Amino acid sequence: MTVASQPTRERTPLNSDGDFYVEAGTCLWCMAPENEAPELMGFEKPDGCFFRRQPGTDGELDHAIDVMHHSCVQALRYAGNDAVVIDRLRACGCEHLCDALS
């Protein structure tokens, strides 16, 4: 039996390596992510926003999840499989932004 692999989403090139990322070609330059989590998010033309670094503390994880929840175009995604993060994304209605669940 063959298991279908998940489609790989293209990441904005400036994203830091890690599980949180912004999908390429989706940012509308609203600047909301950069204002919500300035310690994690960056912005560069022409690509738009990106995770300049991954969350490293509980507070930064809170900010990463908050910014995903408040993103106007749902461009921010989670590619990991940490059950705590996935449960938190489910709790705020953002499970559709988790690659492991889509």
PDB file of N, CA and C in Angstrom:
ATOM      1  N   MET A   1       0.843  -1.176   0.000  1.00  0.00           N
ATOM      2  CA  MET A   1       0.000   0.000   0.000  1.00  0.00           C
ATOM      3  C   MET A   1       0.889   1.241   0.000  1.00  0.00           C
ATOM      4  N   THR A   2       0.584   2.191  -0.830  1.00  0.00           N
ATOM      5  CA  THR A   2       1.344   3.423  -0.933  1.00  0.00           C
ATOM      6  C   THR A   2       0.649   4.522  -0.153  1.00  0.00           C
ATOM      7  N   VAL A   3       1.425   5.255   0.627  1.00  0.00           N
ATOM      8  CA  VAL A   3       0.887   6.374   1.387  1.00  0.00           C
ATOM      9  C   VAL A   3       1.171   7.645   0.605  1.00  0.00           C
ATOM     10  N   ALA A   4       0.137   8.428   0.379  1.00  0.00           N
ATOM     11  CA  ALA A   4       0.307   9.688  -0.348  1.00  0.00           C
ATOM     12  C   ALA A   4       1.075  10.666   0.515  1.00  0.00           C
ATOM     13  N   SER A   5       2.015  11.354  -0.076  1.00  0.00           N
ATOM     14  CA  SER A   5       2.775  12.339   0.683  1.00  0.00           C
ATOM     15  C   SER A   5       2.038  13.669   0.673  1.00  0.00           C
ATOM     16  N   GLN A   6       2.292  14.455   1.709  1.00  0.00           N
ATOM     17  CA  GLN A   6       1.681  15.767   1.798  1.00  0.00           C
ATOM     18  C   GLN A   6       2.258  16.663   0.714  1.00  0.00           C
ATOM     19  N   PRO A   7       1.442  17.523   0.156  1.00  0.00           N
ATOM     20  CA  PRO A   7       2.000  18.479  -0.795  1.00  0.00           C
ATOM     21  C   PRO A   7       2.948  19.419  -0.053  1.00  0.00           C
ATOM     22  N   THR A   8       4.062  19.724  -0.665  1.00  0.00           N
ATOM     23  CA  THR A   8       5.018  20.632  -0.062  1.00  0.00           C
ATOM     24  C   THR A   8       4.665  22.045  -0.484  1.00  0.00           C
ATOM     25  N   ARG A   9       4.520  22.911   0.497  1.00  0.00           N
ATOM     26  CA  ARG A   9       4.213  24.304   0.210  1.00  0.00           C
ATOM     27  C   ARG A   9       5.521  25.067   0.062  1.00  0.00           C
ATOM     28  N   GLU A  10       5.552  25.971  -0.887  1.00  0.00           N
ATOM     29  CA  GLU A  10       6.746  26.774  -1.097  1.00  0.00           C
ATOM     30  C   GLU A  10       6.815  27.853  -0.012  1.00  0.00           C
ATOM     31  N   ARG A  11       7.984  27.988   0.578  1.00  0.00           N
ATOM     32  CA  ARG A  11       8.185  28.966   1.638  1.00  0.00           C
ATOM     33  C   ARG A  11       8.781  30.253   1.074  1.00  0.00           C
ATOM     34  N   THR A  12       8.412  31.376   1.690  1.00  0.00           N
ATOM     35  CA  THR A  12       9.076  32.628   1.358  1.00  0.00           C
ATOM     36  C   THR A  12      10.565  32.423   1.612  1.00  0.00           C
ATOM     37  N   PRO A  13      11.423  32.817   0.673  1.00  0.00           N
ATOM     38  CA  PRO A  13      12.854  32.499   0.765  1.00  0.00           C
ATOM     39  C   PRO A  13      13.557  32.972   2.038  1.00  0.00           C
ATOM     40  N   LEU A  14      13.121  34.049   2.646  1.00  0.00           N
ATOM     41  CA  LEU A  14      13.819  34.588   3.809  1.00  0.00           C
ATOM     42  C   LEU A  14      13.432  33.924   5.132  1.00  0.00           C
ATOM     43  N   ASN A  15      12.478  33.002   5.136  1.00  0.00           N
ATOM     44  CA  ASN A  15      12.105  32.320   6.370  1.00  0.00           C
ATOM     45  C   ASN A  15      13.322  31.651   6.990  1.00  0.00           C
ATOM     46  N   SER A  16      13.413  31.734   8.321  1.00  0.00           N
ATOM     47  CA  SER A  16      14.466  31.000   9.013  1.00  0.00           C
ATOM     48  C   SER A  16      14.123  29.506   8.954  1.00  0.00           C
ATOM     49  N   ASP A  17      15.134  28.678   9.069  1.00  0.00           N
ATOM     50  CA  ASP A  17      14.891  27.237   9.076  1.00  0.00           C
ATOM     51  C   ASP A  17      14.080  26.873  10.313  1.00  0.00           C
ATOM     52  N   GLY A  18      13.061  26.067  10.127  1.00  0.00           N
ATOM     53  CA  GLY A  18      12.244  25.635  11.253  1.00  0.00           C
ATOM     54  C   GLY A  18      10.819  25.357  10.838  1.00  0.00           C
ATOM     55  N   ASP A  19      10.008  25.076  11.837  1.00  0.00           N
ATOM     56  CA  ASP A  19       8.639  24.630  11.598  1.00  0.00           C
ATOM     57  C   ASP A  19       7.657  25.742  11.251  1.00  0.00           C
ATOM     58  N   PHE A  20       7.887  26.947  11.739  1.00  0.00           N
ATOM     59  CA  PHE A  20       6.998  28.061  11.423  1.00  0.00           C
ATOM     60  C   PHE A  20       7.516  28.763  10.171  1.00  0.00           C
ATOM     61  N   TYR A  21       6.598  29.077   9.258  1.00  0.00           N
ATOM     62  CA  TYR A  21       7.008  29.730   8.011  1.00  0.00           C
ATOM     63  C   TYR A  21       5.854  30.503   7.403  1.00  0.00           C
ATOM     64  N   VAL A  22       6.195  31.353   6.446  1.00  0.00           N
ATOM     65  CA  VAL A  22       5.202  32.073   5.651  1.00  0.00           C
ATOM     66  C   VAL A  22       5.236  31.464   4.257  1.00  0.00           C
ATOM     67  N   GLU A  23       4.066  31.134   3.746  1.00  0.00           N
ATOM     68  CA  GLU A  23       3.967  30.544   2.415  1.00  0.00           C
ATOM     69  C   GLU A  23       4.286  31.595   1.352  1.00  0.00           C
ATOM     70  N   ALA A  24       5.100  31.216   0.388  1.00  0.00           N
ATOM     71  CA  ALA A  24       5.525  32.133  -0.675  1.00  0.00           C
ATOM     72  C   ALA A  24       4.334  32.639  -1.486  1.00  0.00           C
ATOM     73  N   GLY A  25       4.412  33.886  -1.862  1.00  0.00           N
ATOM     74  CA  GLY A  25       3.412  34.469  -2.752  1.00  0.00           C
ATOM     75  C   GLY A  25       2.076  34.776  -2.116  1.00  0.00           C
ATOM     76  N   THR A  26       1.995  34.795  -0.776  1.00  0.00           N
ATOM     77  CA  THR A  26       0.705  35.009  -0.123  1.00  0.00           C
ATOM     78  C   THR A  26       0.611  36.310   0.659  1.00  0.00           C
ATOM     79  N   CYS A  27       1.734  36.920   1.015  1.00  0.00           N
ATOM     80  CA  CYS A  27       1.729  38.129   1.840  1.00  0.00           C
ATOM     81  C   CYS A  27       1.153  39.313   1.061  1.00  0.00           C
ATOM     82  N   LEU A  28       0.279  40.066   1.738  1.00  0.00           N
ATOM     83  CA  LEU A  28      -0.327  41.265   1.142  1.00  0.00           C
ATOM     84  C   LEU A  28       0.296  42.558   1.657  1.00  0.00           C
ATOM     85  N   TRP A  29       1.387  42.454   2.406  1.00  0.00           N
ATOM     86  CA  TRP A  29       2.106  43.603   2.952  1.00  0.00           C
ATOM     87  C   TRP A  29       1.252  44.397   3.941  1.00  0.00           C
ATOM     88  N   CYS A  30       0.426  43.732   4.707  1.00  0.00           N
ATOM     89  CA  CYS A  30      -0.433  44.419   5.679  1.00  0.00           C
ATOM     90  C   CYS A  30       0.348  44.855   6.918  1.00  0.00           C
ATOM     91  N   MET A  31       1.498  44.246   7.154  1.00  0.00           N
ATOM     92  CA  MET A  31       2.374  44.535   8.284  1.00  0.00           C
ATOM     93  C   MET A  31       1.809  44.069   9.630  1.00  0.00           C
ATOM     94  N   ALA A  32       0.690  43.371   9.644  1.00  0.00           N
ATOM     95  CA  ALA A  32       0.121  42.869  10.898  1.00  0.00           C
ATOM     96  C   ALA A  32       1.048  41.869  11.595  1.00  0.00           C
ATOM     97  N   PRO A  33       1.616  40.889  10.897  1.00  0.00           N
ATOM     98  CA  PRO A  33       2.499  39.946  11.595  1.00  0.00           C
ATOM     99  C   PRO A  33       3.714  40.627  12.229  1.00  0.00           C
ATOM    100  N   GLU A  34       4.304  41.575  11.528  1.00  0.00           N
ATOM    101  CA  GLU A  34       5.475  42.271  12.054  1.00  0.00           C
ATOM    102  C   GLU A  34       5.122  43.102  13.288  1.00  0.00           C
ATOM    103  N   ASN A  35       3.917  43.640  13.326  1.00  0.00           N
ATOM    104  CA  ASN A  35       3.482  44.415  14.481  1.00  0.00           C
ATOM    105  C   ASN A  35       3.077  43.525  15.648  1.00  0.00           C
ATOM    106  N   GLU A  36       2.516  42.369  15.363  1.00  0.00           N
ATOM    107  CA  GLU A  36       2.059  41.440  16.404  1.00  0.00           C
ATOM    108  C   GLU A  36       3.231  40.713  17.069  1.00  0.00           C
ATOM    109  N   ALA A  37       4.240  40.349  16.310  1.00  0.00           N
ATOM    110  CA  ALA A  37       5.375  39.585  16.849  1.00  0.00           C
ATOM    111  C   ALA A  37       6.688  40.107  16.260  1.00  0.00           C
ATOM    112  N   PRO A  38       7.072  41.331  16.619  1.00  0.00           N
ATOM    113  CA  PRO A  38       8.263  41.931  16.004  1.00  0.00           C
ATOM    114  C   PRO A  38       9.557  41.179  16.302  1.00  0.00           C
ATOM    115  N   GLU A  39       9.575  40.426  17.392  1.00  0.00           N
ATOM    116  CA  GLU A  39      10.780  39.669  17.718  1.00  0.00           C
ATOM    117  C   GLU A  39      10.963  38.438  16.826  1.00  0.00           C
ATOM    118  N   LEU A  40       9.895  38.022  16.139  1.00  0.00           N
ATOM    119  CA  LEU A  40       9.941  36.825  15.292  1.00  0.00           C
ATOM    120  C   LEU A  40       9.838  37.126  13.805  1.00  0.00           C
ATOM    121  N   MET A  41       9.107  38.183  13.468  1.00  0.00           N
ATOM    122  CA  MET A  41       8.755  38.433  12.072  1.00  0.00           C
ATOM    123  C   MET A  41       9.624  39.525  11.456  1.00  0.00           C
ATOM    124  N   GLY A  42       9.851  39.392  10.159  1.00  0.00           N
ATOM    125  CA  GLY A  42      10.541  40.411   9.388  1.00  0.00           C
ATOM    126  C   GLY A  42       9.737  40.718   8.140  1.00  0.00           C
ATOM    127  N   PHE A  43      10.172  41.734   7.417  1.00  0.00           N
ATOM    128  CA  PHE A  43       9.503  42.134   6.179  1.00  0.00           C
ATOM    129  C   PHE A  43      10.555  42.651   5.215  1.00  0.00           C
ATOM    130  N   GLU A  44      10.504  42.175   3.989  1.00  0.00           N
ATOM    131  CA  GLU A  44      11.405  42.638   2.929  1.00  0.00           C
ATOM    132  C   GLU A  44      10.629  42.637   1.616  1.00  0.00           C
ATOM    133  N   LYS A  45      10.766  43.703   0.851  1.00  0.00           N
ATOM    134  CA  LYS A  45      10.183  43.721  -0.493  1.00  0.00           C
ATOM    135  C   LYS A  45      11.064  42.881  -1.387  1.00  0.00           C
ATOM    136  N   PRO A  46      10.581  42.164  -2.331  1.00  0.00           N
ATOM    137  CA  PRO A  46       9.199  42.057  -2.795  1.00  0.00           C
ATOM    138  C   PRO A  46       8.436  40.899  -2.158  1.00  0.00           C
ATOM    139  N   ASP A  47       9.101  40.094  -1.301  1.00  0.00           N
ATOM    140  CA  ASP A  47       8.463  38.874  -0.797  1.00  0.00           C
ATOM    141  C   ASP A  47       7.462  39.095   0.328  1.00  0.00           C
ATOM    142  N   GLY A  48       7.629  40.137   1.107  1.00  0.00           N
ATOM    143  CA  GLY A  48       6.717  40.392   2.207  1.00  0.00           C
ATOM    144  C   GLY A  48       7.239  39.858   3.521  1.00  0.00           C
ATOM    145  N   CYS A  49       6.319  39.379   4.355  1.00  0.00           N
ATOM    146  CA  CYS A  49       6.710  38.953   5.698  1.00  0.00           C
ATOM    147  C   CYS A  49       7.323  37.555   5.686  1.00  0.00           C
ATOM    148  N   PHE A  50       8.060  37.282   6.757  1.00  0.00           N
ATOM    149  CA  PHE A  50       8.722  35.991   6.919  1.00  0.00           C
ATOM    150  C   PHE A  50       9.082  35.816   8.395  1.00  0.00           C
ATOM    151  N   PHE A  51       9.276  34.583   8.812  1.00  0.00           N
ATOM    152  CA  PHE A  51       9.781  34.311  10.150  1.00  0.00           C
ATOM    153  C   PHE A  51      11.292  34.515  10.101  1.00  0.00           C
ATOM    154  N   ARG A  52      11.762  35.596  10.710  1.00  0.00           N
ATOM    155  CA  ARG A  52      13.205  35.840  10.697  1.00  0.00           C
ATOM    156  C   ARG A  52      13.907  34.964  11.713  1.00  0.00           C
ATOM    157  N   ARG A  53      13.148  34.502  12.713  1.00  0.00           N
ATOM    158  CA  ARG A  53      13.653  33.473  13.617  1.00  0.00           C
ATOM    159  C   ARG A  53      12.481  32.695  14.196  1.00  0.00           C
ATOM    160  N   GLN A  54      12.769  31.505  14.656  1.00  0.00           N
ATOM    161  CA  GLN A  54      11.754  30.616  15.195  1.00  0.00           C
ATOM    162  C   GLN A  54      11.538  30.920  16.686  1.00  0.00           C
ATOM    163  N   PRO A  55      10.334  30.653  17.193  1.00  0.00           N
ATOM    164  CA  PRO A  55      10.092  30.882  18.621  1.00  0.00           C
ATOM    165  C   PRO A  55      10.989  29.984  19.471  1.00  0.00           C
ATOM    166  N   GLY A  56      11.538  30.568  20.532  1.00  0.00           N
ATOM    167  CA  GLY A  56      12.433  29.805  21.399  1.00  0.00           C
ATOM    168  C   GLY A  56      11.987  29.747  22.844  1.00  0.00           C
ATOM    169  N   THR A  57      10.957  30.532  23.193  1.00  0.00           N
ATOM    170  CA  THR A  57      10.428  30.535  24.561  1.00  0.00           C
ATOM    171  C   THR A  57       8.920  30.328  24.497  1.00  0.00           C
ATOM    172  N   ASP A  58       8.314  30.081  25.645  1.00  0.00           N
ATOM    173  CA  ASP A  58       6.856  29.947  25.682  1.00  0.00           C
ATOM    174  C   ASP A  58       6.170  31.233  25.233  1.00  0.00           C
ATOM    175  N   GLY A  59       6.712  32.382  25.631  1.00  0.00           N
ATOM    176  CA  GLY A  59       6.142  33.666  25.217  1.00  0.00           C
ATOM    177  C   GLY A  59       6.229  33.872  23.719  1.00  0.00           C
ATOM    178  N   GLU A  60       7.350  33.483  23.135  1.00  0.00           N
ATOM    179  CA  GLU A  60       7.497  33.608  21.684  1.00  0.00           C
ATOM    180  C   GLU A  60       6.587  32.632  20.956  1.00  0.00           C
ATOM    181  N   LEU A  61       6.384  31.442  21.516  1.00  0.00           N
ATOM    182  CA  LEU A  61       5.432  30.503  20.917  1.00  0.00           C
ATOM    183  C   LEU A  61       4.028  31.096  20.958  1.00  0.00           C
ATOM    184  N   ASP A  62       3.681  31.745  22.070  1.00  0.00           N
ATOM    185  CA  ASP A  62       2.388  32.444  22.152  1.00  0.00           C
ATOM    186  C   ASP A  62       2.262  33.465  21.030  1.00  0.00           C
ATOM    187  N   HIS A  63       3.307  34.248  20.810  1.00  0.00           N
ATOM    188  CA  HIS A  63       3.273  35.265  19.755  1.00  0.00           C
ATOM    189  C   HIS A  63       3.157  34.640  18.365  1.00  0.00           C
ATOM    190  N   ALA A  64       3.891  33.547  18.129  1.00  0.00           N
ATOM    191  CA  ALA A  64       3.818  32.881  16.819  1.00  0.00           C
ATOM    192  C   ALA A  64       2.401  32.382  16.543  1.00  0.00           C
ATOM    193  N   ILE A  65       1.777  31.780  17.536  1.00  0.00           N
ATOM    194  CA  ILE A  65       0.414  31.269  17.353  1.00  0.00           C
ATOM    195  C   ILE A  65      -0.579  32.421  17.214  1.00  0.00           C
ATOM    196  N   ASP A  66      -0.399  33.469  18.017  1.00  0.00           N
ATOM    197  CA  ASP A  66      -1.276  34.642  17.902  1.00  0.00           C
ATOM    198  C   ASP A  66      -1.195  35.265  16.515  1.00  0.00           C
ATOM    199  N   VAL A  67       0.021  35.393  15.996  1.00  0.00           N
ATOM    200  CA  VAL A  67       0.178  36.024  14.686  1.00  0.00           C
ATOM    201  C   VAL A  67      -0.413  35.140  13.591  1.00  0.00           C
ATOM    202  N   MET A  68      -0.336  33.834  13.744  1.00  0.00           N
ATOM    203  CA  MET A  68      -0.992  32.934  12.783  1.00  0.00           C
ATOM    204  C   MET A  68      -2.499  33.131  12.830  1.00  0.00           C
ATOM    205  N   HIS A  69      -3.031  33.238  14.032  1.00  0.00           N
ATOM    206  CA  HIS A  69      -4.478  33.401  14.215  1.00  0.00           C
ATOM    207  C   HIS A  69      -4.977  34.730  13.643  1.00  0.00           C
ATOM    208  N   HIS A  70      -4.179  35.775  13.739  1.00  0.00           N
ATOM    209  CA  HIS A  70      -4.614  37.103  13.312  1.00  0.00           C
ATOM    210  C   HIS A  70      -4.177  37.485  11.904  1.00  0.00           C
ATOM    211  N   SER A  71      -3.462  36.617  11.224  1.00  0.00           N
ATOM    212  CA  SER A  71      -3.012  36.925   9.864  1.00  0.00           C
ATOM    213  C   SER A  71      -4.214  37.121   8.945  1.00  0.00           C
ATOM    214  N   CYS A  72      -4.213  38.220   8.208  1.00  0.00           N
ATOM    215  CA  CYS A  72      -5.376  38.545   7.377  1.00  0.00           C
ATOM    216  C   CYS A  72      -5.563  37.576   6.211  1.00  0.00           C
ATOM    217  N   VAL A  73      -4.493  36.966   5.724  1.00  0.00           N
ATOM    218  CA  VAL A  73      -4.625  36.065   4.578  1.00  0.00           C
ATOM    219  C   VAL A  73      -4.224  34.625   4.909  1.00  0.00           C
ATOM    220  N   GLN A  74      -4.013  34.343   6.204  1.00  0.00           N
ATOM    221  CA  GLN A  74      -3.673  32.983   6.638  1.00  0.00           C
ATOM    222  C   GLN A  74      -2.430  32.454   5.915  1.00  0.00           C
ATOM    223  N   ALA A  75      -1.427  33.307   5.776  1.00  0.00           N
ATOM    224  CA  ALA A  75      -0.202  32.966   5.059  1.00  0.00           C
ATOM    225  C   ALA A  75       0.838  32.287   5.937  1.00  0.00           C
ATOM    226  N   LEU A  76       0.669  32.375   7.253  1.00  0.00           N
ATOM    227  CA  LEU A  76       1.630  31.797   8.181  1.00  0.00           C
ATOM    228  C   LEU A  76       1.219  30.367   8.496  1.00  0.00           C
ATOM    229  N   ARG A  77       2.214  29.463   8.519  1.00  0.00           N
ATOM    230  CA  ARG A  77       1.915  28.045   8.645  1.00  0.00           C
ATOM    231  C   ARG A  77       2.851  27.374   9.637  1.00  0.00           C
ATOM    232  N   TYR A  78       2.441  26.180  10.077  1.00  0.00           N
ATOM    233  CA  TYR A  78       3.252  25.354  10.972  1.00  0.00           C
ATOM    234  C   TYR A  78       3.479  24.011  10.293  1.00  0.00           C
ATOM    235  N   ALA A  79       4.751  23.629  10.137  1.00  0.00           N
ATOM    236  CA  ALA A  79       5.102  22.384   9.447  1.00  0.00           C
ATOM    237  C   ALA A  79       5.557  21.289  10.402  1.00  0.00           C
ATOM    238  N   GLY A  80       5.524  21.550  11.686  1.00  0.00           N
ATOM    239  CA  GLY A  80       6.011  20.571  12.655  1.00  0.00           C
ATOM    240  C   GLY A  80       4.953  19.578  13.071  1.00  0.00           C
ATOM    241  N   ASN A  81       5.329  18.734  14.032  1.00  0.00           N
ATOM    242  CA  ASN A  81       4.390  17.726  14.533  1.00  0.00           C
ATOM    243  C   ASN A  81       4.351  17.706  16.057  1.00  0.00           C
ATOM    244  N   ASP A  82       4.721  18.799  16.702  1.00  0.00           N
ATOM    245  CA  ASP A  82       4.662  18.913  18.159  1.00  0.00           C
ATOM    246  C   ASP A  82       3.193  18.942  18.584  1.00  0.00           C
ATOM    247  N   ALA A  83       2.796  17.966  19.381  1.00  0.00           N
ATOM    248  CA  ALA A  83       1.392  17.823  19.771  1.00  0.00           C
ATOM    249  C   ALA A  83       0.877  19.041  20.544  1.00  0.00           C
ATOM    250  N   VAL A  84       1.716  19.652  21.354  1.00  0.00           N
ATOM    251  CA  VAL A  84       1.300  20.832  22.114  1.00  0.00           C
ATOM    252  C   VAL A  84       0.982  21.985  21.165  1.00  0.00           C
ATOM    253  N   VAL A  85       1.836  22.214  20.194  1.00  0.00           N
ATOM    254  CA  VAL A  85       1.604  23.295  19.225  1.00  0.00           C
ATOM    255  C   VAL A  85       0.352  22.997  18.408  1.00  0.00           C
ATOM    256  N   ILE A  86       0.218  21.776  17.945  1.00  0.00           N
ATOM    257  CA  ILE A  86      -0.957  21.399  17.146  1.00  0.00           C
ATOM    258  C   ILE A  86      -2.239  21.570  17.955  1.00  0.00           C
ATOM    259  N   ASP A  87      -2.229  21.153  19.221  1.00  0.00           N
ATOM    260  CA  ASP A  87      -3.414  21.330  20.076  1.00  0.00           C
ATOM    261  C   ASP A  87      -3.743  22.805  20.254  1.00  0.00           C
ATOM    262  N   ARG A  88      -2.726  23.641  20.390  1.00  0.00           N
ATOM    263  CA  ARG A  88      -2.967  25.074  20.544  1.00  0.00           C
ATOM    264  C   ARG A  88      -3.509  25.682  19.252  1.00  0.00           C
ATOM    265  N   LEU A  89      -3.029  25.214  18.115  1.00  0.00           N
ATOM    266  CA  LEU A  89      -3.576  25.694  16.845  1.00  0.00           C
ATOM    267  C   LEU A  89      -5.029  25.260  16.692  1.00  0.00           C
ATOM    268  N   ARG A  90      -5.333  24.040  17.096  1.00  0.00           N
ATOM    269  CA  ARG A  90      -6.733  23.583  17.061  1.00  0.00           C
ATOM    270  C   ARG A  90      -7.601  24.440  17.968  1.00  0.00           C
ATOM    271  N   ALA A  91      -7.110  24.752  19.154  1.00  0.00           N
ATOM    272  CA  ALA A  91      -7.888  25.496  20.143  1.00  0.00           C
ATOM    273  C   ALA A  91      -8.269  26.892  19.651  1.00  0.00           C
ATOM    274  N   CYS A  92      -7.449  27.502  18.806  1.00  0.00           N
ATOM    275  CA  CYS A  92      -7.788  28.842  18.310  1.00  0.00           C
ATOM    276  C   CYS A  92      -8.358  28.799  16.887  1.00  0.00           C
ATOM    277  N   GLY A  93      -8.721  27.604  16.430  1.00  0.00           N
ATOM    278  CA  GLY A  93      -9.352  27.478  15.115  1.00  0.00           C
ATOM    279  C   GLY A  93      -8.399  27.567  13.953  1.00  0.00           C
ATOM    280  N   CYS A  94      -7.112  27.276  14.181  1.00  0.00           N
ATOM    281  CA  CYS A  94      -6.102  27.413  13.126  1.00  0.00           C
ATOM    282  C   CYS A  94      -5.514  26.081  12.681  1.00  0.00           C
ATOM    283  N   GLU A  95      -6.228  25.005  12.930  1.00  0.00           N
ATOM    284  CA  GLU A  95      -5.696  23.694  12.526  1.00  0.00           C
ATOM    285  C   GLU A  95      -5.464  23.600  11.026  1.00  0.00           C
ATOM    286  N   HIS A  96      -6.183  24.384  10.240  1.00  0.00           N
ATOM    287  CA  HIS A  96      -5.996  24.384   8.783  1.00  0.00           C
ATOM    288  C   HIS A  96      -4.647  24.969   8.378  1.00  0.00           C
ATOM    289  N   LEU A  97      -3.944  25.613   9.307  1.00  0.00           N
ATOM    290  CA  LEU A  97      -2.631  26.177   9.032  1.00  0.00           C
ATOM    291  C   LEU A  97      -1.489  25.229   9.424  1.00  0.00           C
ATOM    292  N   CYS A  98      -1.836  24.020   9.829  1.00  0.00           N
ATOM    293  CA  CYS A  98      -0.871  23.024  10.238  1.00  0.00           C
ATOM    294  C   CYS A  98      -0.709  22.008   9.116  1.00  0.00           C
ATOM    295  N   ASP A  99       0.501  21.936   8.560  1.00  0.00           N
ATOM    296  CA  ASP A  99       0.747  21.044   7.425  1.00  0.00           C
ATOM    297  C   ASP A  99       0.454  19.584   7.771  1.00  0.00           C
ATOM    298  N   ALA A 100       0.713  19.170   8.997  1.00  0.00           N
ATOM    299  CA  ALA A 100       0.496  17.774   9.378  1.00  0.00           C
ATOM    300  C   ALA A 100      -0.985  17.398   9.370  1.00  0.00           C
ATOM    301  N   LEU A 101      -1.869  18.388   9.456  1.00  0.00           N
ATOM    302  CA  LEU A 101      -3.309  18.113   9.487  1.00  0.00           C
ATOM    303  C   LEU A 101      -4.003  18.384   8.160  1.00  0.00           C
ATOM    304  N   SER A 102      -3.276  18.955   7.192  1.00  0.00           N
ATOM    305  CA  SER A 102      -3.945  19.281   5.929  1.00  0.00           C
ATOM    306  C   SER A 102      -3.675  18.258   4.860  1.00  0.00           C
TER     307      SER A 102
END
